[in-house]
Each structure stands twice: as structure tokens, then as C-alpha cells.
N, C-alpha and C. Protein backbone atom coordinates (compact mmCIF):
# COMPACT_ATOMS: atom_id res chain seq x y z
N GLN A 1 82.20 92.06 100.69
CA GLN A 1 81.18 92.99 101.04
C GLN A 1 80.78 93.80 99.79
N LEU A 2 81.69 94.07 98.91
CA LEU A 2 81.35 94.86 97.73
C LEU A 2 80.44 94.10 96.79
N ILE A 3 80.58 92.78 96.72
CA ILE A 3 79.78 91.96 95.79
C ILE A 3 78.50 91.53 96.46
N ALA A 4 78.45 91.29 97.75
CA ALA A 4 77.26 90.74 98.39
C ALA A 4 75.96 91.44 98.02
N GLY A 5 76.00 92.78 97.93
CA GLY A 5 74.78 93.55 97.63
C GLY A 5 74.19 93.33 96.29
N HIS A 6 75.01 92.72 95.39
CA HIS A 6 74.58 92.47 94.01
C HIS A 6 73.91 91.09 93.85
N TYR A 7 73.91 90.33 94.89
CA TYR A 7 73.31 89.03 94.83
C TYR A 7 72.27 88.80 95.89
N PRO A 8 71.00 89.17 95.60
CA PRO A 8 69.91 89.05 96.60
C PRO A 8 69.82 87.62 97.04
N GLY A 9 69.46 87.51 98.36
CA GLY A 9 69.31 86.15 98.91
C GLY A 9 70.59 85.53 99.41
N THR A 10 71.65 86.28 99.28
CA THR A 10 73.00 85.74 99.79
C THR A 10 73.48 86.65 100.92
N GLN A 11 74.39 86.10 101.63
CA GLN A 11 74.98 86.87 102.74
C GLN A 11 76.48 86.42 102.91
N MET A 12 77.25 87.32 103.49
CA MET A 12 78.63 86.96 103.72
C MET A 12 78.68 86.01 104.93
N VAL A 13 79.66 85.13 104.86
CA VAL A 13 79.93 84.23 106.00
C VAL A 13 81.17 84.76 106.70
N GLY A 14 80.97 85.54 107.67
CA GLY A 14 82.09 86.16 108.42
C GLY A 14 82.71 87.26 107.64
N ASP A 15 83.76 87.84 108.30
CA ASP A 15 84.54 88.93 107.71
C ASP A 15 86.00 88.61 107.87
N PRO A 16 86.65 87.97 106.83
CA PRO A 16 88.01 87.51 107.01
C PRO A 16 88.96 88.63 107.33
N ALA A 17 88.75 89.82 106.71
CA ALA A 17 89.66 90.94 106.94
C ALA A 17 89.61 91.40 108.46
N ALA A 18 88.39 91.44 109.05
CA ALA A 18 88.21 91.84 110.43
C ALA A 18 88.86 90.79 111.34
N VAL A 19 88.74 89.56 111.07
CA VAL A 19 89.35 88.51 111.89
C VAL A 19 90.85 88.62 111.85
N TYR A 20 91.37 88.86 110.66
CA TYR A 20 92.85 88.97 110.50
C TYR A 20 93.36 90.19 111.21
N VAL A 21 92.68 91.28 111.04
CA VAL A 21 93.08 92.53 111.73
C VAL A 21 92.98 92.41 113.30
N ASN A 22 91.93 91.72 113.72
CA ASN A 22 91.84 91.44 115.22
C ASN A 22 93.08 90.75 115.71
N ALA A 23 93.48 89.71 114.92
CA ALA A 23 94.68 88.97 115.34
C ALA A 23 95.93 89.85 115.35
N MET A 24 96.05 90.70 114.38
CA MET A 24 97.22 91.61 114.28
C MET A 24 97.23 92.60 115.46
N GLN A 25 95.99 93.11 115.74
CA GLN A 25 95.89 94.04 116.84
C GLN A 25 96.20 93.42 118.20
N GLN A 26 95.77 92.21 118.42
CA GLN A 26 96.07 91.51 119.67
C GLN A 26 97.57 91.25 119.76
N ALA A 27 98.19 90.79 118.63
CA ALA A 27 99.63 90.52 118.67
C ALA A 27 100.41 91.78 118.88
N ALA A 28 99.93 92.94 118.46
CA ALA A 28 100.70 94.22 118.51
C ALA A 28 100.44 94.90 119.89
N GLU A 29 99.46 94.53 120.66
CA GLU A 29 99.17 95.15 121.92
C GLU A 29 100.37 95.30 122.83
N ASN A 30 100.57 96.46 123.41
CA ASN A 30 101.61 96.76 124.36
C ASN A 30 103.04 96.62 123.82
N ARG A 31 103.15 96.73 122.48
CA ARG A 31 104.50 96.62 121.89
C ARG A 31 105.04 97.98 121.51
N GLN A 32 104.20 99.02 121.46
CA GLN A 32 104.63 100.38 121.21
C GLN A 32 105.37 100.50 119.86
N ALA A 33 104.91 99.77 118.91
CA ALA A 33 105.56 99.84 117.52
C ALA A 33 104.46 99.53 116.51
N ALA A 34 104.80 99.68 115.26
CA ALA A 34 103.83 99.54 114.17
C ALA A 34 103.76 98.08 113.64
N VAL A 35 102.70 97.78 113.04
CA VAL A 35 102.56 96.51 112.33
C VAL A 35 103.18 96.83 110.95
N ALA A 36 104.11 96.01 110.50
CA ALA A 36 104.72 96.23 109.20
C ALA A 36 104.24 95.19 108.20
N PHE A 37 103.76 95.73 107.06
CA PHE A 37 103.28 94.94 105.94
C PHE A 37 104.43 94.92 104.90
N ILE A 38 105.15 93.83 104.83
CA ILE A 38 106.19 93.74 103.78
C ILE A 38 105.63 93.04 102.58
N HIS A 39 105.86 93.66 101.47
CA HIS A 39 105.26 93.12 100.23
C HIS A 39 106.15 93.61 99.03
N ALA A 40 105.83 92.99 97.86
CA ALA A 40 106.49 93.38 96.60
C ALA A 40 105.87 94.74 96.23
N THR A 41 106.54 95.84 96.57
CA THR A 41 105.99 97.15 96.43
C THR A 41 105.63 97.59 94.99
N SER A 42 106.19 96.88 93.99
CA SER A 42 105.90 97.30 92.66
C SER A 42 104.64 96.60 92.09
N TYR A 43 104.03 95.80 92.90
CA TYR A 43 102.82 95.10 92.49
C TYR A 43 101.60 95.79 93.10
N VAL A 44 100.84 96.49 92.28
CA VAL A 44 99.72 97.32 92.74
C VAL A 44 98.67 96.43 93.42
N ASP A 45 98.40 95.25 92.90
CA ASP A 45 97.34 94.43 93.52
C ASP A 45 97.73 93.94 94.88
N ASP A 46 99.06 93.66 95.16
CA ASP A 46 99.52 93.36 96.50
C ASP A 46 99.43 94.61 97.42
N ARG A 47 99.81 95.71 96.92
CA ARG A 47 99.89 96.93 97.66
C ARG A 47 98.45 97.34 98.15
N GLN A 48 97.49 97.17 97.27
CA GLN A 48 96.12 97.60 97.65
C GLN A 48 95.62 96.77 98.80
N VAL A 49 95.95 95.52 98.88
CA VAL A 49 95.55 94.63 99.99
C VAL A 49 96.24 95.16 101.32
N MET A 50 97.49 95.50 101.17
CA MET A 50 98.25 96.02 102.38
C MET A 50 97.67 97.35 102.82
N ILE A 51 97.31 98.20 101.90
CA ILE A 51 96.69 99.54 102.25
C ILE A 51 95.40 99.29 102.96
N TYR A 52 94.58 98.45 102.45
CA TYR A 52 93.24 98.07 103.04
C TYR A 52 93.42 97.63 104.45
N LEU A 53 94.31 96.65 104.66
CA LEU A 53 94.48 96.14 106.04
C LEU A 53 95.06 97.24 106.95
N GLY A 54 95.93 98.09 106.38
CA GLY A 54 96.48 99.21 107.19
C GLY A 54 95.44 100.15 107.57
N GLN A 55 94.49 100.42 106.70
CA GLN A 55 93.35 101.32 107.04
C GLN A 55 92.50 100.75 108.16
N LEU A 56 92.27 99.45 108.05
CA LEU A 56 91.44 98.83 109.14
C LEU A 56 92.19 98.89 110.49
N LEU A 57 93.51 98.72 110.50
CA LEU A 57 94.26 98.86 111.73
C LEU A 57 94.17 100.32 112.20
N ALA A 58 94.36 101.33 111.31
CA ALA A 58 94.32 102.70 111.69
C ALA A 58 92.97 103.08 112.33
N GLN A 59 91.90 102.47 111.88
CA GLN A 59 90.59 102.70 112.53
C GLN A 59 90.56 102.28 113.97
N ARG A 60 91.45 101.35 114.26
CA ARG A 60 91.53 100.86 115.64
C ARG A 60 92.65 101.51 116.43
N GLY A 61 93.29 102.47 115.84
CA GLY A 61 94.40 103.21 116.49
C GLY A 61 95.71 102.43 116.49
N VAL A 62 95.87 101.44 115.65
CA VAL A 62 97.10 100.70 115.49
C VAL A 62 97.89 101.19 114.30
N PRO A 63 99.11 101.70 114.54
CA PRO A 63 99.87 102.19 113.43
C PRO A 63 100.42 101.08 112.57
N SER A 64 100.58 101.38 111.28
CA SER A 64 101.16 100.38 110.37
C SER A 64 102.10 101.01 109.39
N LEU A 65 102.95 100.18 108.79
CA LEU A 65 103.92 100.60 107.82
C LEU A 65 103.81 99.74 106.57
N LEU A 66 103.96 100.30 105.42
CA LEU A 66 104.02 99.61 104.18
C LEU A 66 105.52 99.63 103.76
N ALA A 67 106.08 98.45 103.46
CA ALA A 67 107.51 98.46 103.14
C ALA A 67 107.87 97.25 102.28
N SER A 68 108.97 97.38 101.67
CA SER A 68 109.59 96.27 100.98
C SER A 68 110.40 95.48 101.96
N PRO A 69 110.51 94.16 101.78
CA PRO A 69 111.37 93.36 102.69
C PRO A 69 112.79 93.86 102.64
N ALA A 70 113.28 94.54 101.55
CA ALA A 70 114.61 95.08 101.50
C ALA A 70 114.78 96.17 102.50
N ASP A 71 113.69 96.75 103.04
CA ASP A 71 113.80 97.82 104.03
C ASP A 71 113.94 97.25 105.44
N LEU A 72 113.83 95.96 105.60
CA LEU A 72 113.97 95.35 106.97
C LEU A 72 115.36 95.46 107.48
N GLN A 73 115.47 95.62 108.77
CA GLN A 73 116.72 95.57 109.48
C GLN A 73 116.39 94.74 110.79
N TRP A 74 117.20 93.79 111.10
CA TRP A 74 116.97 93.00 112.30
C TRP A 74 118.10 93.11 113.30
N SER A 75 117.73 93.07 114.53
CA SER A 75 118.75 93.12 115.65
C SER A 75 118.23 92.28 116.76
N ASP A 76 118.98 91.20 117.06
CA ASP A 76 118.59 90.29 118.17
C ASP A 76 117.21 89.75 118.02
N GLY A 77 116.75 89.51 116.78
CA GLY A 77 115.44 88.94 116.55
C GLY A 77 114.30 89.94 116.45
N TYR A 78 114.63 91.23 116.60
CA TYR A 78 113.60 92.30 116.48
C TYR A 78 113.74 93.01 115.20
N ALA A 79 112.67 93.30 114.51
CA ALA A 79 112.71 93.98 113.23
C ALA A 79 112.48 95.49 113.36
N GLN A 80 113.12 96.18 112.42
CA GLN A 80 112.91 97.62 112.20
C GLN A 80 112.73 97.85 110.72
N ILE A 81 112.05 98.91 110.34
CA ILE A 81 111.95 99.33 108.93
C ILE A 81 112.76 100.57 108.80
N ALA A 82 113.64 100.53 107.77
CA ALA A 82 114.41 101.73 107.47
C ALA A 82 113.69 102.56 106.37
N ASP A 83 113.51 103.87 106.70
CA ASP A 83 112.94 104.73 105.70
C ASP A 83 113.63 106.05 105.76
N ALA A 84 113.14 107.04 105.03
CA ALA A 84 113.72 108.37 104.94
C ALA A 84 113.92 108.99 106.28
N GLY A 85 113.06 108.72 107.25
CA GLY A 85 113.09 109.32 108.59
C GLY A 85 113.91 108.53 109.56
N GLY A 86 114.63 107.56 109.15
CA GLY A 86 115.42 106.71 110.03
C GLY A 86 114.94 105.30 110.07
N THR A 87 114.88 104.74 111.29
CA THR A 87 114.32 103.35 111.46
C THR A 87 113.16 103.44 112.44
N ARG A 88 112.14 102.56 112.15
CA ARG A 88 111.00 102.49 112.98
C ARG A 88 110.86 101.09 113.47
N PRO A 89 110.59 100.88 114.79
CA PRO A 89 110.45 99.51 115.28
C PRO A 89 109.17 98.84 114.80
N VAL A 90 109.18 97.55 114.65
CA VAL A 90 108.07 96.72 114.24
C VAL A 90 107.54 95.85 115.36
N SER A 91 106.23 95.86 115.58
CA SER A 91 105.67 95.03 116.62
C SER A 91 105.21 93.67 116.09
N VAL A 92 104.68 93.67 114.84
CA VAL A 92 104.22 92.48 114.19
C VAL A 92 104.63 92.60 112.71
N LEU A 93 105.15 91.53 112.09
CA LEU A 93 105.54 91.55 110.71
C LEU A 93 104.59 90.68 109.94
N VAL A 94 103.93 91.31 108.95
CA VAL A 94 103.09 90.61 108.03
C VAL A 94 103.76 90.48 106.72
N ARG A 95 104.04 89.19 106.29
CA ARG A 95 104.76 88.98 105.05
C ARG A 95 103.76 88.64 103.97
N PHE A 96 103.71 89.53 102.95
CA PHE A 96 102.90 89.34 101.75
C PHE A 96 103.85 89.38 100.60
N PHE A 97 104.93 88.61 100.67
CA PHE A 97 106.00 88.58 99.68
C PHE A 97 106.43 87.11 99.54
N PRO A 98 106.62 86.64 98.31
CA PRO A 98 106.96 85.24 98.17
C PRO A 98 108.16 84.81 98.91
N ALA A 99 108.06 83.75 99.67
CA ALA A 99 109.15 83.30 100.54
C ALA A 99 110.35 82.90 99.73
N GLU A 100 110.11 82.34 98.51
CA GLU A 100 111.23 81.93 97.70
C GLU A 100 111.99 83.07 97.08
N TRP A 101 111.44 84.30 97.18
CA TRP A 101 112.14 85.50 96.70
C TRP A 101 113.08 86.11 97.71
N LEU A 102 112.81 85.82 99.01
CA LEU A 102 113.61 86.38 100.08
C LEU A 102 115.09 86.12 99.97
N PRO A 103 115.58 84.94 99.56
CA PRO A 103 117.02 84.75 99.44
C PRO A 103 117.67 85.65 98.38
N ASN A 104 116.85 86.27 97.55
CA ASN A 104 117.45 87.18 96.49
C ASN A 104 117.80 88.59 97.10
N LEU A 105 117.31 88.79 98.36
CA LEU A 105 117.58 90.07 99.01
C LEU A 105 119.01 90.10 99.63
N ASP A 106 119.53 91.19 99.82
CA ASP A 106 120.86 91.35 100.53
C ASP A 106 120.77 90.69 101.87
N ARG A 107 121.79 89.94 102.27
CA ARG A 107 121.76 89.26 103.53
C ARG A 107 121.67 90.22 104.74
N ARG A 108 122.11 91.41 104.50
CA ARG A 108 122.03 92.45 105.59
C ARG A 108 120.61 92.82 105.98
N THR A 109 119.64 92.49 105.13
CA THR A 109 118.19 92.73 105.53
C THR A 109 117.79 91.82 106.66
N GLY A 110 118.52 90.69 106.78
CA GLY A 110 118.13 89.66 107.77
C GLY A 110 116.95 88.88 107.40
N TRP A 111 116.65 88.75 106.14
CA TRP A 111 115.50 88.07 105.64
C TRP A 111 115.34 86.65 106.26
N ASN A 112 116.41 86.03 106.71
CA ASN A 112 116.36 84.69 107.23
C ASN A 112 115.52 84.64 108.52
N HIS A 113 115.37 85.82 109.15
CA HIS A 113 114.50 85.93 110.36
C HIS A 113 113.04 85.55 110.04
N CYS A 114 112.62 85.70 108.82
CA CYS A 114 111.29 85.37 108.43
C CYS A 114 111.08 83.86 108.49
N PHE A 115 112.19 83.07 108.55
CA PHE A 115 112.08 81.66 108.69
C PHE A 115 112.37 81.16 110.07
N ALA A 116 113.30 81.77 110.76
CA ALA A 116 113.66 81.39 112.14
C ALA A 116 114.44 82.52 112.85
N GLY A 117 114.22 82.60 114.12
CA GLY A 117 114.96 83.57 114.97
C GLY A 117 114.23 84.90 115.22
N ALA A 118 113.09 85.03 114.71
CA ALA A 118 112.34 86.26 114.97
C ALA A 118 111.80 86.22 116.40
N ARG A 119 111.85 87.36 117.08
CA ARG A 119 111.33 87.45 118.44
C ARG A 119 110.07 88.35 118.54
N ILE A 120 109.49 88.54 117.31
CA ILE A 120 108.24 89.28 117.21
C ILE A 120 107.26 88.39 116.45
N PRO A 121 106.01 88.55 116.64
CA PRO A 121 104.98 87.73 115.88
C PRO A 121 105.17 87.97 114.38
N LEU A 122 105.04 86.86 113.68
CA LEU A 122 105.08 86.92 112.13
C LEU A 122 103.77 86.31 111.64
N SER A 123 103.22 86.99 110.67
CA SER A 123 101.99 86.46 110.01
C SER A 123 102.56 85.96 108.68
N ASN A 124 102.25 84.74 108.37
CA ASN A 124 102.78 84.11 107.19
C ASN A 124 104.30 83.95 107.23
N PRO A 125 104.80 83.30 108.27
CA PRO A 125 106.26 83.10 108.38
C PRO A 125 106.81 82.31 107.26
N GLY A 126 108.07 82.35 107.02
CA GLY A 126 108.68 81.68 105.90
C GLY A 126 108.37 80.17 105.81
N LYS A 127 108.26 79.60 106.97
CA LYS A 127 108.01 78.11 106.99
C LYS A 127 106.65 77.78 106.36
N ALA A 128 105.79 78.79 106.15
CA ALA A 128 104.49 78.49 105.50
C ALA A 128 104.71 78.01 104.06
N ILE A 129 105.88 78.22 103.59
CA ILE A 129 106.19 77.77 102.17
C ILE A 129 105.97 76.24 102.01
N LEU A 130 106.09 75.52 103.11
CA LEU A 130 105.86 74.06 103.08
C LEU A 130 104.46 73.71 102.64
N THR A 131 103.47 74.49 103.04
CA THR A 131 102.09 74.17 102.64
C THR A 131 101.67 75.01 101.41
N GLN A 132 102.48 75.97 101.00
CA GLN A 132 102.11 76.78 99.81
C GLN A 132 102.57 76.12 98.54
N THR A 133 103.53 75.23 98.66
CA THR A 133 104.03 74.60 97.39
C THR A 133 102.95 73.64 96.84
N LYS A 134 102.93 73.60 95.55
CA LYS A 134 101.96 72.71 94.87
C LYS A 134 102.43 71.25 95.01
N ARG A 135 103.61 71.00 95.57
CA ARG A 135 104.09 69.66 95.78
C ARG A 135 103.64 69.16 97.18
N PHE A 136 103.06 69.98 97.96
CA PHE A 136 102.62 69.59 99.31
C PHE A 136 101.78 68.32 99.30
N PRO A 137 100.81 68.16 98.37
CA PRO A 137 99.97 66.91 98.38
C PRO A 137 100.86 65.64 98.18
N LEU A 138 102.08 65.77 97.70
CA LEU A 138 102.84 64.57 97.50
C LEU A 138 103.33 63.97 98.83
N VAL A 139 103.18 64.70 99.93
CA VAL A 139 103.63 64.15 101.24
C VAL A 139 102.42 63.89 102.17
N TRP A 140 101.18 64.08 101.73
CA TRP A 140 100.05 63.94 102.53
C TRP A 140 100.00 62.60 103.24
N ASP A 141 100.33 61.52 102.50
CA ASP A 141 100.17 60.20 103.10
C ASP A 141 101.21 59.98 104.15
N LYS A 142 102.20 60.75 104.28
CA LYS A 142 103.20 60.66 105.32
C LYS A 142 102.95 61.51 106.59
N LEU A 143 101.86 62.31 106.52
CA LEU A 143 101.50 63.17 107.62
C LEU A 143 100.60 62.41 108.62
N LYS A 144 100.69 62.82 109.84
CA LYS A 144 99.82 62.27 110.92
C LYS A 144 98.47 62.96 110.90
N THR A 145 98.40 64.15 110.34
CA THR A 145 97.18 64.91 110.34
C THR A 145 96.32 64.56 109.09
N PRO A 146 95.11 64.13 109.26
CA PRO A 146 94.31 63.83 108.06
C PRO A 146 93.86 65.13 107.36
N LEU A 147 93.78 65.14 106.05
CA LEU A 147 93.39 66.30 105.26
C LEU A 147 92.23 65.96 104.37
N PRO A 148 91.08 65.52 104.85
CA PRO A 148 90.00 65.04 104.04
C PRO A 148 89.43 66.06 103.11
N THR A 149 89.30 67.31 103.51
CA THR A 149 88.70 68.33 102.65
C THR A 149 89.60 68.65 101.49
N TRP A 150 90.89 68.86 101.76
CA TRP A 150 91.85 69.11 100.66
C TRP A 150 91.82 67.90 99.64
N GLN A 151 91.87 66.73 100.25
CA GLN A 151 91.89 65.51 99.39
C GLN A 151 90.60 65.41 98.52
N ALA A 152 89.45 65.80 99.14
CA ALA A 152 88.20 65.69 98.36
C ALA A 152 88.06 66.69 97.25
N PHE A 153 88.67 67.87 97.37
CA PHE A 153 88.47 68.87 96.39
C PHE A 153 89.67 69.21 95.50
N LEU A 154 90.83 68.84 95.85
CA LEU A 154 91.99 69.09 95.03
C LEU A 154 92.08 68.01 93.96
N PRO A 155 92.41 68.46 92.75
CA PRO A 155 92.61 67.39 91.72
C PRO A 155 93.82 66.52 92.01
N GLU A 156 93.93 65.39 91.43
CA GLU A 156 95.05 64.51 91.65
C GLU A 156 96.34 65.27 91.39
N THR A 157 97.28 65.09 92.30
CA THR A 157 98.54 65.75 92.18
C THR A 157 99.65 64.64 92.16
N CYS A 158 100.51 64.76 91.18
CA CYS A 158 101.61 63.74 91.03
C CYS A 158 102.92 64.43 90.68
N ASP A 159 103.98 63.78 91.02
CA ASP A 159 105.30 64.24 90.64
C ASP A 159 105.31 64.05 89.04
N PRO A 160 105.71 65.15 88.33
CA PRO A 160 105.68 64.99 86.81
C PRO A 160 106.65 63.94 86.32
N ARG A 161 107.57 63.49 87.17
CA ARG A 161 108.50 62.43 86.66
C ARG A 161 107.83 61.06 86.74
N ARG A 162 106.64 61.01 87.32
CA ARG A 162 105.96 59.73 87.57
C ARG A 162 104.75 59.54 86.74
N VAL A 163 104.37 60.48 85.83
CA VAL A 163 103.19 60.31 85.02
C VAL A 163 103.55 60.66 83.57
N PRO A 164 102.79 60.06 82.59
CA PRO A 164 103.08 60.32 81.20
C PRO A 164 102.47 61.64 80.65
N TRP A 165 102.81 62.78 81.27
CA TRP A 165 102.19 64.03 80.84
C TRP A 165 102.51 64.44 79.46
N GLN A 166 103.61 63.93 78.89
CA GLN A 166 104.00 64.31 77.48
C GLN A 166 103.05 63.83 76.46
N CYS A 167 102.32 62.73 76.79
CA CYS A 167 101.43 62.12 75.78
C CYS A 167 99.99 62.04 76.31
N ASP A 168 99.72 62.63 77.39
CA ASP A 168 98.38 62.57 78.02
C ASP A 168 97.85 63.95 78.22
N GLU A 169 96.82 64.37 77.41
CA GLU A 169 96.31 65.72 77.53
C GLU A 169 95.58 66.06 78.84
N SER A 170 95.29 65.10 79.70
CA SER A 170 94.60 65.40 80.91
C SER A 170 95.47 65.97 82.01
N TRP A 171 96.79 66.06 81.81
CA TRP A 171 97.64 66.57 82.88
C TRP A 171 97.92 68.07 82.60
N VAL A 172 98.00 68.84 83.71
CA VAL A 172 98.42 70.22 83.69
C VAL A 172 99.61 70.37 84.58
N LEU A 173 100.62 70.95 84.02
CA LEU A 173 101.93 71.13 84.75
C LEU A 173 101.96 72.51 85.35
N LYS A 174 102.27 72.60 86.61
CA LYS A 174 102.38 73.84 87.30
C LYS A 174 103.70 73.89 88.02
N PRO A 175 104.34 75.07 88.09
CA PRO A 175 105.56 75.18 88.91
C PRO A 175 105.20 75.00 90.42
N ALA A 176 106.07 74.46 91.17
CA ALA A 176 105.83 74.23 92.55
C ALA A 176 105.40 75.46 93.32
N LEU A 177 106.00 76.59 92.96
CA LEU A 177 105.75 77.84 93.71
C LEU A 177 105.24 78.99 92.80
N GLY A 178 104.57 78.60 91.69
CA GLY A 178 104.11 79.62 90.80
C GLY A 178 102.89 80.38 91.34
N ARG A 179 102.67 81.53 90.78
CA ARG A 179 101.59 82.34 91.18
C ARG A 179 100.85 82.86 89.92
N ILE A 180 99.64 83.28 90.10
CA ILE A 180 98.81 83.97 89.10
C ILE A 180 98.84 83.31 87.71
N GLY A 181 98.98 82.01 87.63
CA GLY A 181 98.94 81.36 86.38
C GLY A 181 100.22 81.34 85.59
N GLU A 182 101.34 81.81 86.12
CA GLU A 182 102.54 81.83 85.41
C GLU A 182 103.15 80.46 85.16
N SER A 183 103.70 80.23 84.02
CA SER A 183 104.44 78.96 83.66
C SER A 183 103.58 77.70 83.74
N ILE A 184 102.31 77.76 83.54
CA ILE A 184 101.46 76.61 83.53
C ILE A 184 101.57 75.96 82.16
N GLY A 185 101.70 74.65 82.14
CA GLY A 185 101.84 73.90 80.87
C GLY A 185 100.72 72.98 80.63
N LEU A 186 100.15 73.12 79.43
CA LEU A 186 99.10 72.28 78.89
C LEU A 186 99.60 71.64 77.61
N ARG A 187 99.33 70.36 77.42
CA ARG A 187 99.77 69.71 76.17
C ARG A 187 99.08 70.34 74.99
């Protein structure tokens, strides 16, 4: 929305934030608890996204919490957020925290519920890591679901043990779960 006004003759195609917030609001209905946005709290760019989504929920009368996944407490598949005022129940958990970082947390946080055993709705559950890895294209031919759009637009993806990347400048090496350009290798 911020950019659209600077490009005459163009228009937005839908409003992804509104669609996402609608889904959160529906999932939270009648649960008498807040939507919790767990994220890496020291990353300002992540936090600003969580704040924005929380503001959109507040406009609809849906309470939200911003928290670190280290603040999570689980009991019988239900989450709570521990803060200075005690614990607050969670109706929906939105994970904006790398799944592969969760095992670094203390087991008492119950981070494993992000993968299995949660009895509340999760947005971006831990199992989403299967499609977030850059190695996902390596199993496409074994799936029953066709992925023609991804296959049409994604560059060729290979296991680095199967191609001569050491002597071929056309290959780019990326970590399976890297973000924001970290650890990318070019010859």
C-alpha cells in the first residue's frame, strides 16, 4: 500500500495482511485469549511485522501479545505466555521464529508443541520447515502433488555433492535453512 501510490497505473492485488489477520481473528473467536506472535525479539525487522499485525488485530478488538518463544509455557497442549504480570493464555500462536532455532531453547518452554501436540491453532507450525528448506526441490519428483509454477520459476536445484560447483562458476551454494543472504557461496 505504501508503494502503490508512487506507481501510476498500478494497483494492489489483494491485501495479504488483511487476509492473514482475518484468518487469525476467525481462529481466535470464542477462545477468550490473545493471539501470540512469537518472534526473535532482538530483530527489529521481525518485530515491526509483528507490531503491524498486532495493530490490525487490535482494530478488530482482538488482543495480541508480542513475545519470545522462550516465554512460552505449555500445559496439555495449550500455550501461555509468561511475562512480568504472570501468565496469559494464548488462543492462536503465530510463529515468526526460525523452526531450526527452537531446539536451542530450554525444553521447559515446550517448544516441541510447535511441531506436534498443540491443541490451539498454529500459524506457521514447525512442520512448515519441510517446505522452507532450500532442499525441498530435491524431493519434488517423489511427491504426488504437481508443482508446475515452482518448477517453472525456481532455478535448477541440486544436491551440492552431485554437481561440480568447485569448478563451475554457474552454481550458487546456499545453506538449506539460511536467511537474508547469509552464508551464500559463489565461486
